[in-house]
Amino acid sequence: MHDHAGLDSAAREHDLVLPLFVFDDRLLARAGPARRGFLHAALADLRASLRAAGADLIVRHGDPVAETVRLARAHDATAVCLADDASAYAQRRRRELEAAGLDVRRHDGIAAVPPGALTPDGRDHYRVFTPYWRRWREEPTAAVLAPPRRLALPHGVDAGQLPREDGTGGERDARRRLTAWLAGGLHGYDAGRDVPAADATSHLSPYLHFGCLSANEVVARARGEGPVADEFVRQLCWRDFYLQLLAANPKLETDDLHPREREWRDDRHALDRWREGETGVAIVDAAMRQLRAEGWLGNRARLIVAGYLTKTLELDWRHGAALFAELLVDADVANNVGNWQWVAGTGVDTRPHRGFSVDRQAKRFDPEGAYVSAYA
C-alpha cells in the first residue's frame, strides 16, 4: 500500500479500482513451501489493508494475462496499472497485455533506480558494478508515496478466496522490521554481514522481492541514518544493478553473459550430495541444511555453497540457481542469476578466473565453528 506508484496513480485518476492478484501456476510450480507460505501471508495482510481502505484484494488463478483481460472487460476497466519488472517472463506478460488492447500503464516500483535510468557512454546498460555504484549513489530517491486513504470497488465483483495463511510475511510485518533494523541492526551490519553465525543482515530481501516494501523507501530511510548506512545501501545498489542487467539481457536466466572456456562436468551423484548437504565439507553442508530448513541463507553462506558447486565441483551454475529459486523465500530472478553467474565466472565478475577455497572461507568467517555447530 505504501509507495506503490501504480496503486497511487489508479486511486488518484479513477473512481473505481480493482486490486488484482493472479496465482500463476507456472511460477508456483517452481516455488517451495517456504516461498508459498510467505506469499500467502503477504496476500492476507494486503487484503486486510485494502478492506480497511474500503476495497478488497481480487484473487484469481490461472494465466495472469487472460485473467486480467477477463476482469477488465467484465467491469469496463479502462487501464491496467502495474510496476514494471525486468525478467523475460515479465516483459512477455506485459507485451501480451498490451497486445490484448488494454491501456497498460507501466510504473517504476521494483527498483530504487529503475532499469535504464542510468547508462554509460555508448551503451544502454552497465556491466561493471563500481561505475554503476558511483552514478547510482548520486541519484536522489523519489518522494515516498503515502497509501491511498480510500478505495472503491465496482459493484458485484467476486473477490475470490485466498489459501490458508501458513507463513510469515506482509507489509505490516515488513515495516516493523525495517524500523527495528534502522534503529538497531544497521549499526552492526558492516562488521557482521559476512559472518554466517552472527545473522547480522536485515532479512528484508523477501519483503522487497514480494513487494511488501518498496526499494525506494528502504533506500530513502537508510540514507537518513547517515554514513553508518553506506554499506547497507551499497548492497541495495547491487539489487538495482542486477535488475538493469537482466532488463537489458533477458536471456540471462538461462544463458551465460560471458560463456566459459570449457564445459561443465556432468556428475549427478556430486550434484545430489550438494543439494542434500552431504558433501562432507562441514560449512557447505551446514549452509545447505539451513537453506532447506529456513528458506534463507546469508550472503556469505550463499557465496560459499555457490563457489563450492561451480569452482570446486565444476558443476553448472544453473543447477544451483534452480534450487535457490525453489527454496529461498527471497529468490528473485535478477539477483539469483546475477549472483550465480558472478560466482561461476560467467557473469559480471571482473576476475572470472579467481580461485575459491572452502577451507579459507571457513577459517575466515567461521573460525570457531559456531555456524557449523548450529546446523550440525
Protein backbone atom coordinates (compact mmCIF):
# COMPACT_ATOMS: atom_id res chain seq x y z
CA MET A 1 0.00 0.00 0.00
CA HIS A 2 2.89 2.41 0.78
CA ASP A 3 4.98 3.87 -2.03
CA HIS A 4 3.11 1.94 -4.74
CA ALA A 5 3.11 4.16 -7.81
CA GLY A 6 0.63 2.05 -9.77
CA LEU A 7 -1.89 1.96 -6.93
CA ASP A 8 -1.39 5.65 -6.22
CA SER A 9 -1.99 6.54 -9.87
CA ALA A 10 -5.10 4.35 -10.10
CA ALA A 11 -6.56 5.80 -6.91
CA ARG A 12 -5.96 9.42 -7.95
CA GLU A 13 -7.13 9.12 -11.56
CA HIS A 14 -10.10 6.74 -11.28
CA ASP A 15 -13.23 6.45 -9.14
CA LEU A 16 -13.15 2.64 -9.07
CA VAL A 17 -10.11 0.39 -8.62
CA LEU A 18 -9.75 -3.40 -8.92
CA PRO A 19 -6.62 -4.52 -6.99
CA LEU A 20 -5.84 -7.86 -8.63
CA PHE A 21 -3.52 -10.75 -7.81
CA VAL A 22 -3.37 -13.80 -10.08
CA PHE A 23 -1.88 -17.06 -8.81
CA ASP A 24 0.25 -18.08 -11.79
CA ASP A 25 0.62 -21.87 -11.86
CA ARG A 26 3.78 -21.64 -13.99
CA LEU A 27 5.52 -19.70 -11.24
CA LEU A 28 4.01 -21.53 -8.28
CA ALA A 29 5.15 -24.89 -9.67
CA ARG A 30 8.77 -23.84 -9.07
CA ALA A 31 8.22 -22.45 -5.55
CA GLY A 32 8.88 -24.45 -2.41
CA PRO A 33 6.67 -24.37 0.70
CA ALA A 34 8.56 -21.52 2.38
CA ARG A 35 8.06 -19.23 -0.62
CA ARG A 36 4.39 -20.13 -0.95
CA GLY A 37 3.78 -19.65 2.77
CA PHE A 38 5.37 -16.21 2.73
CA LEU A 39 3.31 -15.24 -0.31
CA HIS A 40 0.05 -16.40 1.30
CA ALA A 41 0.76 -14.37 4.45
CA ALA A 42 1.69 -11.30 2.40
CA LEU A 43 -1.55 -11.52 0.42
CA ALA A 44 -3.65 -11.94 3.57
CA ASP A 45 -2.04 -8.82 5.01
CA LEU A 46 -2.63 -6.90 1.78
CA ARG A 47 -6.28 -7.97 1.68
CA ALA A 48 -6.78 -6.70 5.23
CA SER A 49 -5.24 -3.33 4.36
CA LEU A 50 -7.32 -2.98 1.20
CA ARG A 51 -10.50 -3.84 3.08
CA ALA A 52 -9.67 -1.22 5.70
CA ALA A 53 -9.47 1.32 2.85
CA GLY A 54 -12.89 0.29 1.54
CA ALA A 55 -11.88 -2.13 -1.22
CA ASP A 56 -10.60 -5.72 -1.38
CA LEU A 57 -7.95 -7.88 -2.97
CA ILE A 58 -9.37 -9.61 -6.03
CA VAL A 59 -7.87 -13.10 -6.32
CA ARG A 60 -7.82 -15.25 -9.43
CA HIS A 61 -5.98 -18.41 -10.54
CA GLY A 62 -4.55 -19.22 -13.97
CA ASP A 63 -2.88 -17.26 -16.72
CA PRO A 64 -2.32 -13.69 -15.46
CA VAL A 65 -2.90 -12.11 -18.86
CA ALA A 66 -6.12 -13.99 -19.53
CA GLU A 67 -7.47 -13.31 -16.04
CA THR A 68 -6.58 -9.62 -16.19
CA VAL A 69 -8.26 -9.20 -19.57
CA ARG A 70 -11.34 -11.11 -18.39
CA LEU A 71 -11.75 -8.99 -15.27
CA ALA A 72 -11.08 -5.73 -17.10
CA ARG A 73 -13.72 -6.47 -19.74
CA ALA A 74 -16.27 -7.69 -17.20
CA HIS A 75 -16.10 -4.40 -15.32
CA ASP A 76 -15.27 -1.97 -18.15
CA ALA A 77 -11.84 -1.14 -16.74
CA THR A 78 -10.09 1.43 -18.90
CA ALA A 79 -6.49 0.94 -17.74
CA VAL A 80 -4.12 -1.53 -16.11
CA CYS A 81 -1.52 -0.03 -13.77
CA LEU A 82 1.47 -2.18 -12.89
CA ALA A 83 5.00 -2.00 -11.53
CA ASP A 84 7.27 -2.83 -14.44
CA ASP A 85 9.60 -5.79 -13.90
CA ALA A 86 12.79 -6.91 -15.64
CA SER A 87 12.61 -10.66 -16.30
CA ALA A 88 11.95 -12.09 -19.75
CA TYR A 89 8.71 -13.59 -18.44
CA ALA A 90 7.55 -10.26 -17.00
CA GLN A 91 8.40 -8.44 -20.22
CA ARG A 92 6.48 -11.00 -22.28
CA ARG A 93 3.49 -10.81 -19.94
CA ARG A 94 3.39 -7.01 -20.33
CA ARG A 95 3.58 -7.25 -24.14
CA GLU A 96 0.69 -9.73 -24.14
CA LEU A 97 -1.42 -7.38 -22.03
CA GLU A 98 -0.70 -4.58 -24.48
CA ALA A 99 -1.49 -6.83 -27.43
CA ALA A 100 -4.87 -7.59 -25.86
CA GLY A 101 -5.80 -3.95 -26.37
CA LEU A 102 -5.55 -2.81 -22.75
CA ASP A 103 -4.16 0.58 -21.80
CA VAL A 104 -1.15 -0.71 -19.84
CA ARG A 105 0.43 1.96 -17.68
CA ARG A 106 3.91 0.99 -16.51
CA HIS A 107 5.16 2.45 -13.26
CA ASP A 108 8.51 2.28 -11.51
CA GLY A 109 8.48 0.35 -8.27
CA ILE A 110 10.66 -2.76 -8.38
CA ALA A 111 13.97 -0.88 -8.13
CA ALA A 112 15.10 2.19 -6.26
CA VAL A 113 16.58 3.50 -9.52
CA PRO A 114 14.67 1.98 -12.47
CA PRO A 115 16.45 -0.10 -15.12
CA GLY A 116 17.57 2.12 -17.97
CA ALA A 117 17.65 5.30 -15.90
CA LEU A 118 21.45 5.18 -15.69
CA THR A 119 23.59 4.34 -18.73
CA PRO A 120 27.30 4.59 -19.51
CA ASP A 121 28.58 6.39 -22.59
CA GLY A 122 27.97 4.34 -25.71
CA ARG A 123 25.92 1.56 -24.07
CA ASP A 124 22.38 1.03 -22.90
CA HIS A 125 23.31 -0.55 -19.54
CA TYR A 126 26.17 -1.17 -17.12
CA ARG A 127 28.11 -4.44 -16.94
CA VAL A 128 30.56 -3.35 -14.23
CA PHE A 129 29.26 -2.59 -10.76
CA THR A 130 31.67 0.07 -9.49
CA PRO A 131 30.93 2.76 -12.12
CA TYR A 132 27.23 1.97 -11.75
CA TRP A 133 27.50 2.43 -8.00
CA ARG A 134 29.24 5.79 -8.43
CA ARG A 135 26.36 7.04 -10.59
CA TRP A 136 23.63 5.35 -8.56
CA ARG A 137 24.66 6.79 -5.18
CA GLU A 138 24.36 10.32 -6.55
CA GLU A 139 20.73 9.77 -7.62
CA PRO A 140 18.14 11.30 -5.28
CA THR A 141 15.40 9.00 -4.07
CA ALA A 142 11.90 9.68 -5.29
CA ALA A 143 9.30 11.03 -2.87
CA VAL A 144 7.83 8.16 -0.84
CA LEU A 145 4.13 7.88 -1.65
CA ALA A 146 1.56 7.54 1.12
CA PRO A 147 -1.00 4.73 0.85
CA PRO A 148 -4.42 5.67 -0.56
CA ARG A 149 -6.85 6.58 2.20
CA ARG A 150 -9.98 5.34 0.42
CA LEU A 151 -10.60 2.97 -2.48
CA ALA A 152 -13.84 1.82 -4.08
CA LEU A 153 -14.59 -1.41 -5.99
CA PRO A 154 -17.11 -1.84 -8.80
CA HIS A 155 -20.41 -3.24 -7.60
CA GLY A 156 -20.82 -7.01 -7.65
CA VAL A 157 -17.21 -8.11 -8.14
CA ASP A 158 -16.35 -11.55 -6.71
CA ALA A 159 -13.23 -11.13 -4.58
CA GLY A 160 -12.23 -14.81 -4.66
CA GLN A 161 -10.58 -16.94 -1.99
CA LEU A 162 -7.07 -16.85 -0.61
CA PRO A 163 -5.27 -20.01 0.50
CA ARG A 164 -4.99 -20.57 4.23
CA GLU A 165 -2.29 -18.36 5.70
CA ASP A 166 0.64 -20.62 6.65
CA GLY A 167 3.66 -18.37 6.91
CA THR A 168 5.05 -15.01 7.98
CA GLY A 169 5.08 -12.05 5.67
CA GLY A 170 3.28 -8.91 4.64
CA GLU A 171 3.58 -5.15 4.61
CA ARG A 172 2.88 -4.50 8.28
CA ASP A 173 5.50 -7.02 9.37
CA ALA A 174 7.92 -5.58 6.80
CA ARG A 175 7.52 -2.04 8.10
CA ARG A 176 8.07 -3.13 11.70
CA ARG A 177 11.21 -5.00 10.66
CA LEU A 178 12.55 -2.04 8.69
CA THR A 179 12.03 0.34 11.59
CA ALA A 180 13.70 -2.04 14.05
CA TRP A 181 16.60 -2.67 11.65
CA LEU A 182 17.31 1.01 11.13
CA ALA A 183 17.16 1.66 14.88
CA GLY A 184 19.44 -1.22 15.87
CA GLY A 185 20.75 -3.84 13.48
CA LEU A 186 22.04 -1.42 10.87
CA HIS A 187 24.80 -0.23 13.17
CA GLY A 188 26.47 -3.66 13.27
CA TYR A 189 25.90 -4.53 9.64
CA ASP A 190 29.28 -3.65 8.16
CA ALA A 191 31.19 -5.72 10.74
CA GLY A 192 28.83 -8.69 10.91
CA ARG A 193 27.28 -9.16 7.49
CA ASP A 194 29.88 -11.72 6.33
CA VAL A 195 29.80 -13.84 9.49
CA PRO A 196 27.19 -16.61 8.96
CA ALA A 197 26.80 -17.34 12.69
CA ALA A 198 26.19 -13.67 13.51
CA ASP A 199 22.98 -13.46 11.45
CA ALA A 200 23.65 -9.72 11.16
CA THR A 201 21.77 -8.96 7.94
CA SER A 202 18.40 -7.22 7.67
CA HIS A 203 16.29 -10.16 6.39
CA LEU A 204 14.34 -7.58 4.38
CA SER A 205 15.00 -9.20 0.99
CA PRO A 206 11.86 -11.42 0.99
CA TYR A 207 9.73 -8.34 1.65
CA LEU A 208 11.42 -6.46 -1.18
CA HIS A 209 11.02 -9.42 -3.52
CA PHE A 210 7.29 -9.84 -2.85
CA GLY A 211 6.59 -6.11 -2.95
CA CYS A 212 5.77 -5.70 0.76
CA LEU A 213 8.32 -2.86 0.86
CA SER A 214 9.48 -0.55 -1.90
CA ALA A 215 13.21 -0.41 -2.55
CA ASN A 216 12.89 3.34 -2.94
CA GLU A 217 11.57 3.74 0.60
CA VAL A 218 14.19 1.41 2.11
CA VAL A 219 16.99 3.36 0.43
CA ALA A 220 15.47 6.72 1.42
CA ARG A 221 15.08 5.74 5.07
CA ALA A 222 18.51 4.11 5.26
CA ARG A 223 20.19 7.18 3.79
CA GLY A 224 18.51 9.19 6.51
CA GLU A 225 20.63 7.33 9.07
CA GLY A 226 23.83 8.87 7.67
CA PRO A 227 27.21 7.24 6.87
CA VAL A 228 26.54 4.21 9.09
CA ALA A 229 24.14 3.03 6.37
CA ASP A 230 26.62 3.28 3.49
CA GLU A 231 27.47 -0.43 3.18
CA PHE A 232 23.83 -1.49 3.54
CA VAL A 233 22.80 1.00 0.85
CA ARG A 234 25.59 -0.32 -1.39
CA GLN A 235 24.10 -3.81 -1.15
CA LEU A 236 20.72 -2.39 -2.21
CA CYS A 237 22.52 -0.90 -5.20
CA TRP A 238 23.62 -4.40 -6.22
CA ARG A 239 19.92 -5.31 -6.44
CA ASP A 240 19.27 -2.45 -8.88
CA PHE A 241 22.44 -3.27 -10.80
CA TYR A 242 21.27 -6.82 -11.48
CA LEU A 243 17.78 -5.61 -12.41
CA GLN A 244 19.16 -3.29 -15.10
CA LEU A 245 21.48 -6.09 -16.28
CA LEU A 246 18.57 -8.53 -16.62
CA ALA A 247 16.31 -5.96 -18.30
CA ALA A 248 18.95 -5.45 -20.99
CA ASN A 249 19.82 -9.18 -21.22
CA PRO A 250 16.53 -11.10 -20.85
CA LYS A 251 18.21 -14.45 -21.59
CA LEU A 252 20.47 -14.10 -18.55
CA GLU A 253 18.29 -16.55 -16.64
CA THR A 254 19.41 -19.38 -18.92
CA ASP A 255 22.40 -18.13 -20.92
CA ASP A 256 25.91 -17.18 -19.81
CA LEU A 257 26.64 -13.48 -20.05
CA HIS A 258 30.25 -14.48 -20.84
CA PRO A 259 30.46 -18.15 -21.90
CA ARG A 260 33.00 -20.36 -20.17
CA GLU A 261 36.09 -21.61 -21.95
CA ARG A 262 35.35 -25.25 -21.07
CA GLU A 263 32.33 -27.47 -20.45
CA TRP A 264 30.82 -28.07 -17.05
CA ARG A 265 31.25 -31.53 -15.55
CA ASP A 266 28.31 -33.92 -15.54
CA ASP A 267 28.27 -35.64 -12.13
CA ARG A 268 24.74 -36.34 -10.92
CA HIS A 269 25.94 -38.02 -7.73
CA ALA A 270 28.04 -35.00 -6.70
CA LEU A 271 25.14 -32.67 -7.51
CA ASP A 272 22.74 -34.68 -5.36
CA ARG A 273 25.17 -34.71 -2.43
CA TRP A 274 25.49 -30.94 -2.70
CA ARG A 275 21.73 -30.47 -2.83
CA GLU A 276 21.17 -32.62 0.25
CA GLY A 277 24.03 -31.16 2.29
CA GLU A 278 26.00 -34.40 2.22
CA THR A 279 29.27 -33.31 0.61
CA GLY A 280 31.36 -34.00 3.71
CA VAL A 281 32.53 -30.35 3.75
CA ALA A 282 31.21 -29.06 7.06
CA ILE A 283 30.45 -25.41 6.23
CA VAL A 284 28.89 -26.27 2.85
CA ASP A 285 26.65 -28.92 4.41
CA ALA A 286 25.65 -26.59 7.24
CA ALA A 287 24.57 -23.92 4.75
CA MET A 288 22.58 -26.38 2.67
CA ARG A 289 20.82 -27.66 5.80
CA GLN A 290 19.96 -24.08 6.77
CA LEU A 291 18.62 -23.43 3.27
CA ARG A 292 16.30 -26.43 3.43
CA ALA A 293 15.17 -25.75 6.99
CA GLU A 294 14.61 -22.00 6.80
CA GLY A 295 14.40 -20.96 3.16
CA TRP A 296 17.15 -18.47 3.94
CA LEU A 297 20.93 -18.02 3.69
CA GLY A 298 23.09 -15.02 4.45
CA ASN A 299 25.15 -13.67 1.57
CA ARG A 300 28.46 -15.24 2.67
CA ALA A 301 26.85 -18.67 3.05
CA ARG A 302 25.34 -18.30 -0.43
CA LEU A 303 28.76 -17.47 -1.85
CA ILE A 304 30.33 -20.49 -0.12
CA VAL A 305 27.84 -23.05 -1.43
CA ALA A 306 27.83 -21.47 -4.90
CA GLY A 307 31.60 -21.34 -5.06
CA TYR A 308 31.86 -24.98 -4.00
CA LEU A 309 29.37 -26.10 -6.65
CA THR A 310 30.86 -24.14 -9.54
CA LYS A 311 34.54 -23.74 -8.71
CA THR A 312 35.30 -26.92 -6.72
CA LEU A 313 32.85 -29.44 -8.21
CA GLU A 314 32.79 -27.59 -11.58
CA LEU A 315 29.06 -28.18 -11.95
CA ASP A 316 26.78 -25.87 -13.92
CA TRP A 317 25.58 -22.79 -12.04
CA ARG A 318 22.07 -23.32 -13.45
CA HIS A 319 21.59 -26.32 -11.12
CA GLY A 320 22.28 -24.10 -8.14
CA ALA A 321 20.16 -21.22 -9.38
CA ALA A 322 17.20 -23.58 -9.86
CA LEU A 323 17.48 -24.94 -6.31
CA PHE A 324 17.77 -21.44 -4.85
CA ALA A 325 14.72 -20.34 -6.88
CA GLU A 326 12.76 -23.20 -5.34
CA LEU A 327 13.89 -22.98 -1.72
CA LEU A 328 14.85 -19.37 -0.97
CA VAL A 329 11.96 -17.20 0.15
CA ASP A 330 13.66 -14.16 -1.41
CA ALA A 331 14.83 -15.76 -4.67
CA ASP A 332 14.33 -13.03 -7.21
CA VAL A 333 15.33 -13.75 -10.80
CA ALA A 334 17.74 -10.84 -11.29
CA ASN A 335 19.63 -11.26 -8.01
CA ASN A 336 19.62 -15.04 -8.18
CA VAL A 337 21.04 -15.48 -11.67
CA GLY A 338 23.22 -12.39 -11.41
CA ASN A 339 24.95 -13.65 -8.28
CA TRP A 340 25.24 -17.24 -9.50
CA GLN A 341 26.83 -16.11 -12.75
CA TRP A 342 29.18 -13.79 -10.83
CA VAL A 343 30.41 -16.69 -8.69
CA ALA A 344 30.62 -19.05 -11.66
CA GLY A 345 32.77 -16.62 -13.64
CA THR A 346 30.24 -16.31 -16.47
CA GLY A 347 28.73 -13.01 -15.33
CA VAL A 348 29.93 -9.55 -14.37
CA ASP A 349 32.89 -10.50 -12.15
CA THR A 350 35.91 -8.61 -13.49
CA ARG A 351 38.11 -11.53 -12.32
CA PRO A 352 36.19 -14.53 -13.69
CA HIS A 353 39.02 -16.99 -13.06
CA ARG A 354 39.52 -16.13 -9.39
CA GLY A 355 40.17 -19.16 -7.18
CA PHE A 356 37.94 -20.42 -4.41
CA SER A 357 38.91 -22.24 -1.21
CA VAL A 358 36.20 -23.55 1.11
CA ASP A 359 38.77 -24.07 3.86
CA ARG A 360 39.88 -20.45 3.65
CA GLN A 361 36.29 -19.27 3.75
CA ALA A 362 35.53 -21.39 6.82
CA LYS A 363 38.66 -20.26 8.70
CA ARG A 364 38.00 -16.62 7.95
CA PHE A 365 34.24 -16.40 8.51
CA ASP A 366 33.51 -19.29 10.92
CA PRO A 367 36.82 -19.74 12.77
CA GLU A 368 35.28 -21.23 15.92
CA GLY A 369 32.84 -23.43 14.00
CA ALA A 370 29.80 -21.72 15.52
CA TYR A 371 27.83 -21.75 12.28
CA VAL A 372 28.68 -25.36 11.51
CA SER A 373 27.64 -26.38 15.04
CA ALA A 374 24.34 -24.53 14.75
CA TYR A 375 23.38 -26.58 11.67
CA ALA A 376 25.07 -29.87 12.50
